[in-house]
Amino acid sequence: MELVSSIISVILFVVFVPGVMFRLPARGSRATILVTHAFLFAVTISAVMSIYWSYRETFGNFGPTCPNGFAPTEDGGCVPTGGPTYVPLKLDEKSE
């Protein structure tokens, strides 16, 4: 797990500890309060991490094109071709 998702998880955990930011239900038993906060934490962490990981995945290592050996698909993904798709230009060769 990377640092940013760990920090997000810790912050959300602290926020959902009963009595730190809020307490739901206000007059409930201890078990009811703990179950409510656990459920809210689970729903919130799932939604936040889903948004975070989908945002993070937009920053690929290969830029707007697919890496060598992969071809673009119509849906924006990359599939392996089984061979190189381009040959990099060597710096010691002279262009004609």
N, C-alpha and C. Protein backbone atom coordinates (compact mmCIF):
# COMPACT_ATOMS: atom_id res chain seq x y z
N MET A 1 0.86 -1.17 0.00
CA MET A 1 0.00 0.00 0.00
C MET A 1 0.90 1.23 0.00
N GLU A 2 0.52 2.20 -0.73
CA GLU A 2 1.35 3.38 -0.82
C GLU A 2 1.04 4.38 0.29
N LEU A 3 1.86 5.37 0.41
CA LEU A 3 1.77 6.33 1.51
C LEU A 3 0.47 7.13 1.51
N VAL A 4 0.03 7.60 0.34
CA VAL A 4 -1.17 8.44 0.29
C VAL A 4 -2.41 7.66 0.72
N SER A 5 -2.56 6.43 0.25
CA SER A 5 -3.73 5.65 0.67
C SER A 5 -3.65 5.28 2.15
N SER A 6 -2.45 5.10 2.69
CA SER A 6 -2.32 4.86 4.13
C SER A 6 -2.75 6.08 4.93
N ILE A 7 -2.34 7.26 4.48
CA ILE A 7 -2.73 8.49 5.18
C ILE A 7 -4.23 8.70 5.11
N ILE A 8 -4.82 8.47 3.94
CA ILE A 8 -6.28 8.59 3.79
C ILE A 8 -6.99 7.63 4.73
N SER A 9 -6.51 6.40 4.81
CA SER A 9 -7.12 5.40 5.69
C SER A 9 -7.05 5.80 7.16
N VAL A 10 -5.91 6.31 7.59
CA VAL A 10 -5.74 6.71 8.99
C VAL A 10 -6.66 7.89 9.31
N ILE A 11 -6.72 8.86 8.41
CA ILE A 11 -7.57 10.03 8.65
C ILE A 11 -9.04 9.61 8.75
N LEU A 12 -9.49 8.79 7.83
CA LEU A 12 -10.89 8.34 7.88
C LEU A 12 -11.16 7.49 9.12
N PHE A 13 -10.19 6.67 9.52
CA PHE A 13 -10.39 5.87 10.72
C PHE A 13 -10.57 6.76 11.95
N VAL A 14 -9.71 7.77 12.07
CA VAL A 14 -9.81 8.68 13.23
C VAL A 14 -11.14 9.43 13.20
N VAL A 15 -11.57 9.86 12.02
CA VAL A 15 -12.84 10.57 11.91
C VAL A 15 -14.01 9.69 12.36
N PHE A 16 -13.96 8.40 12.05
CA PHE A 16 -15.08 7.52 12.36
C PHE A 16 -14.98 6.82 13.71
N VAL A 17 -13.99 7.15 14.52
CA VAL A 17 -13.98 6.64 15.90
C VAL A 17 -15.11 7.35 16.64
N PRO A 18 -16.00 6.59 17.29
CA PRO A 18 -17.15 7.22 17.95
C PRO A 18 -16.71 8.28 18.97
N GLY A 19 -17.29 9.47 18.85
CA GLY A 19 -17.03 10.54 19.79
C GLY A 19 -15.94 11.50 19.36
N VAL A 20 -15.16 11.18 18.34
CA VAL A 20 -14.11 12.09 17.90
C VAL A 20 -14.71 13.24 17.10
N MET A 21 -15.44 12.94 16.04
CA MET A 21 -16.08 13.98 15.24
C MET A 21 -17.59 13.99 15.46
N PHE A 22 -18.18 12.81 15.61
CA PHE A 22 -19.61 12.69 15.81
C PHE A 22 -19.90 11.35 16.48
N ARG A 23 -21.14 11.18 16.89
CA ARG A 23 -21.55 9.95 17.55
C ARG A 23 -22.97 9.64 17.09
N LEU A 24 -23.11 8.53 16.36
CA LEU A 24 -24.41 8.11 15.83
C LEU A 24 -24.75 6.72 16.31
N PRO A 25 -25.92 6.43 16.70
CA PRO A 25 -26.97 7.34 17.16
C PRO A 25 -26.59 7.95 18.50
N ALA A 26 -27.07 9.13 18.76
CA ALA A 26 -26.64 9.89 19.93
C ALA A 26 -27.00 9.20 21.24
N ARG A 27 -28.14 8.55 21.31
CA ARG A 27 -28.60 7.91 22.54
C ARG A 27 -28.60 6.38 22.44
N GLY A 28 -27.83 5.83 21.52
CA GLY A 28 -27.81 4.38 21.33
C GLY A 28 -26.92 3.67 22.31
N SER A 29 -27.05 2.34 22.34
CA SER A 29 -26.17 1.53 23.19
C SER A 29 -24.77 1.51 22.58
N ARG A 30 -23.81 1.05 23.35
CA ARG A 30 -22.42 1.04 22.88
C ARG A 30 -22.27 0.16 21.63
N ALA A 31 -22.91 -0.99 21.63
CA ALA A 31 -22.83 -1.91 20.48
C ALA A 31 -23.44 -1.27 19.24
N THR A 32 -24.57 -0.61 19.38
CA THR A 32 -25.23 0.04 18.25
C THR A 32 -24.35 1.14 17.67
N ILE A 33 -23.73 1.92 18.53
CA ILE A 33 -22.85 3.00 18.08
C ILE A 33 -21.64 2.43 17.33
N LEU A 34 -21.03 1.38 17.88
CA LEU A 34 -19.87 0.78 17.23
C LEU A 34 -20.22 0.18 15.87
N VAL A 35 -21.34 -0.51 15.78
CA VAL A 35 -21.76 -1.10 14.51
C VAL A 35 -22.08 -0.01 13.48
N THR A 36 -22.74 1.05 13.92
CA THR A 36 -23.07 2.16 13.02
C THR A 36 -21.81 2.81 12.49
N HIS A 37 -20.85 3.10 13.36
CA HIS A 37 -19.61 3.73 12.93
C HIS A 37 -18.79 2.80 12.04
N ALA A 38 -18.79 1.52 12.34
CA ALA A 38 -18.06 0.55 11.51
C ALA A 38 -18.66 0.50 10.11
N PHE A 39 -19.98 0.48 10.03
CA PHE A 39 -20.66 0.45 8.73
C PHE A 39 -20.37 1.73 7.95
N LEU A 40 -20.48 2.87 8.59
CA LEU A 40 -20.21 4.14 7.91
C LEU A 40 -18.75 4.23 7.45
N PHE A 41 -17.83 3.74 8.28
CA PHE A 41 -16.42 3.73 7.89
C PHE A 41 -16.20 2.85 6.68
N ALA A 42 -16.80 1.66 6.66
CA ALA A 42 -16.63 0.73 5.54
C ALA A 42 -17.16 1.32 4.24
N VAL A 43 -18.33 1.93 4.30
CA VAL A 43 -18.91 2.54 3.10
C VAL A 43 -18.06 3.71 2.62
N THR A 44 -17.65 4.56 3.54
CA THR A 44 -16.86 5.75 3.18
C THR A 44 -15.49 5.38 2.64
N ILE A 45 -14.80 4.45 3.29
CA ILE A 45 -13.45 4.08 2.83
C ILE A 45 -13.53 3.41 1.47
N SER A 46 -14.57 2.63 1.22
CA SER A 46 -14.74 2.00 -0.09
C SER A 46 -14.94 3.04 -1.17
N ALA A 47 -15.80 4.01 -0.90
CA ALA A 47 -16.08 5.05 -1.90
C ALA A 47 -14.85 5.93 -2.14
N VAL A 48 -14.20 6.36 -1.07
CA VAL A 48 -13.04 7.25 -1.20
C VAL A 48 -11.89 6.53 -1.91
N MET A 49 -11.60 5.30 -1.55
CA MET A 49 -10.51 4.57 -2.19
C MET A 49 -10.83 4.25 -3.65
N SER A 50 -12.08 3.98 -3.95
CA SER A 50 -12.47 3.75 -5.34
C SER A 50 -12.22 5.00 -6.18
N ILE A 51 -12.61 6.14 -5.66
CA ILE A 51 -12.38 7.40 -6.36
C ILE A 51 -10.88 7.68 -6.47
N TYR A 52 -10.15 7.47 -5.37
CA TYR A 52 -8.71 7.73 -5.37
C TYR A 52 -7.98 6.84 -6.38
N TRP A 53 -8.26 5.53 -6.38
CA TRP A 53 -7.55 4.63 -7.28
C TRP A 53 -7.92 4.86 -8.73
N SER A 54 -9.18 5.23 -9.00
CA SER A 54 -9.53 5.54 -10.39
C SER A 54 -8.84 6.83 -10.84
N TYR A 55 -8.70 7.79 -9.94
CA TYR A 55 -7.97 9.02 -10.24
C TYR A 55 -6.50 8.73 -10.44
N ARG A 56 -5.93 7.90 -9.59
CA ARG A 56 -4.51 7.60 -9.66
C ARG A 56 -4.16 6.83 -10.92
N GLU A 57 -5.06 5.96 -11.39
CA GLU A 57 -4.77 5.16 -12.58
C GLU A 57 -4.74 5.98 -13.86
N THR A 58 -5.22 7.21 -13.83
CA THR A 58 -5.15 8.03 -15.04
C THR A 58 -3.74 8.51 -15.31
N PHE A 59 -2.85 8.37 -14.34
CA PHE A 59 -1.46 8.78 -14.53
C PHE A 59 -0.61 7.54 -14.82
N GLY A 60 -0.67 7.06 -16.05
CA GLY A 60 0.09 5.88 -16.44
C GLY A 60 1.55 6.21 -16.65
N ASN A 61 2.39 5.20 -16.64
CA ASN A 61 3.82 5.40 -16.83
C ASN A 61 4.19 5.58 -18.30
N PHE A 62 3.29 5.23 -19.20
CA PHE A 62 3.65 5.26 -20.60
C PHE A 62 3.06 6.44 -21.36
N GLY A 63 2.41 7.35 -20.70
CA GLY A 63 1.89 8.55 -21.34
C GLY A 63 0.65 8.28 -22.17
N PRO A 64 0.43 9.08 -23.22
CA PRO A 64 -0.80 8.95 -23.99
C PRO A 64 -0.81 7.75 -24.92
N THR A 65 0.33 7.10 -25.15
CA THR A 65 0.39 5.94 -26.01
C THR A 65 0.69 4.70 -25.19
N CYS A 66 0.59 3.56 -25.81
CA CYS A 66 0.90 2.30 -25.13
C CYS A 66 2.40 2.06 -25.14
N PRO A 67 2.92 1.29 -24.18
CA PRO A 67 4.35 1.00 -24.16
C PRO A 67 4.74 0.09 -25.33
N ASN A 68 6.03 -0.05 -25.55
CA ASN A 68 6.53 -0.90 -26.62
C ASN A 68 6.06 -2.33 -26.41
N GLY A 69 5.53 -2.93 -27.46
CA GLY A 69 5.04 -4.30 -27.39
C GLY A 69 3.55 -4.37 -27.11
N PHE A 70 2.88 -3.23 -27.00
CA PHE A 70 1.45 -3.18 -26.74
C PHE A 70 0.77 -2.31 -27.78
N ALA A 71 -0.47 -2.65 -28.11
CA ALA A 71 -1.23 -1.87 -29.08
C ALA A 71 -2.47 -1.30 -28.39
N PRO A 72 -2.88 -0.08 -28.76
CA PRO A 72 -4.07 0.51 -28.13
C PRO A 72 -5.36 -0.17 -28.57
N THR A 73 -6.34 -0.19 -27.67
CA THR A 73 -7.66 -0.71 -27.99
C THR A 73 -8.63 0.44 -28.09
N GLU A 74 -9.84 0.17 -28.56
CA GLU A 74 -10.83 1.22 -28.73
C GLU A 74 -11.28 1.83 -27.41
N ASP A 75 -11.24 1.03 -26.34
CA ASP A 75 -11.70 1.53 -25.04
C ASP A 75 -10.61 2.26 -24.25
N GLY A 76 -9.46 2.49 -24.88
CA GLY A 76 -8.39 3.23 -24.23
C GLY A 76 -7.38 2.37 -23.51
N GLY A 77 -7.52 1.06 -23.55
CA GLY A 77 -6.58 0.17 -22.89
C GLY A 77 -5.45 -0.23 -23.83
N CYS A 78 -4.60 -1.11 -23.37
CA CYS A 78 -3.48 -1.61 -24.16
C CYS A 78 -3.47 -3.13 -24.10
N VAL A 79 -3.21 -3.77 -25.23
CA VAL A 79 -3.12 -5.23 -25.28
C VAL A 79 -1.76 -5.60 -25.83
N PRO A 80 -1.18 -6.72 -25.34
CA PRO A 80 0.14 -7.12 -25.84
C PRO A 80 0.05 -7.60 -27.29
N THR A 81 1.08 -7.29 -28.08
CA THR A 81 1.11 -7.69 -29.49
C THR A 81 1.99 -8.91 -29.72
N GLY A 82 2.84 -9.25 -28.79
CA GLY A 82 3.72 -10.39 -28.96
C GLY A 82 5.06 -10.02 -29.58
N GLY A 83 5.24 -8.77 -29.90
CA GLY A 83 6.50 -8.31 -30.48
C GLY A 83 6.62 -6.81 -30.32
N PRO A 84 7.77 -6.26 -30.68
CA PRO A 84 7.94 -4.82 -30.54
C PRO A 84 7.04 -4.06 -31.52
N THR A 85 6.50 -2.97 -31.07
CA THR A 85 5.65 -2.15 -31.93
C THR A 85 6.42 -0.99 -32.53
N TYR A 86 7.57 -0.69 -32.00
CA TYR A 86 8.45 0.32 -32.57
C TYR A 86 9.87 0.03 -32.14
N VAL A 87 10.79 0.49 -32.92
CA VAL A 87 12.21 0.30 -32.62
C VAL A 87 12.77 1.68 -32.29
N PRO A 88 13.33 1.87 -31.10
CA PRO A 88 13.87 3.18 -30.75
C PRO A 88 15.07 3.54 -31.62
N LEU A 89 15.20 4.80 -31.94
CA LEU A 89 16.31 5.30 -32.73
C LEU A 89 17.57 5.31 -31.88
N LYS A 90 18.63 4.75 -32.42
CA LYS A 90 19.90 4.73 -31.70
C LYS A 90 20.60 6.07 -31.90
N LEU A 91 21.21 6.58 -30.86
CA LEU A 91 21.83 7.89 -30.93
C LEU A 91 23.08 7.92 -31.79
N ASP A 92 23.78 6.79 -31.97
CA ASP A 92 25.00 6.80 -32.73
C ASP A 92 24.77 6.69 -34.24
N GLU A 93 23.55 6.40 -34.67
CA GLU A 93 23.23 6.33 -36.09
C GLU A 93 22.99 7.73 -36.63
N LYS A 94 23.47 7.96 -37.82
CA LYS A 94 23.26 9.25 -38.45
C LYS A 94 21.98 9.21 -39.25
N SER A 95 21.20 10.27 -39.14
CA SER A 95 19.97 10.33 -39.92
C SER A 95 20.30 10.75 -41.34
N GLU A 96 19.60 10.19 -42.30
CA GLU A 96 19.90 10.47 -43.71
C GLU A 96 18.92 11.41 -44.28
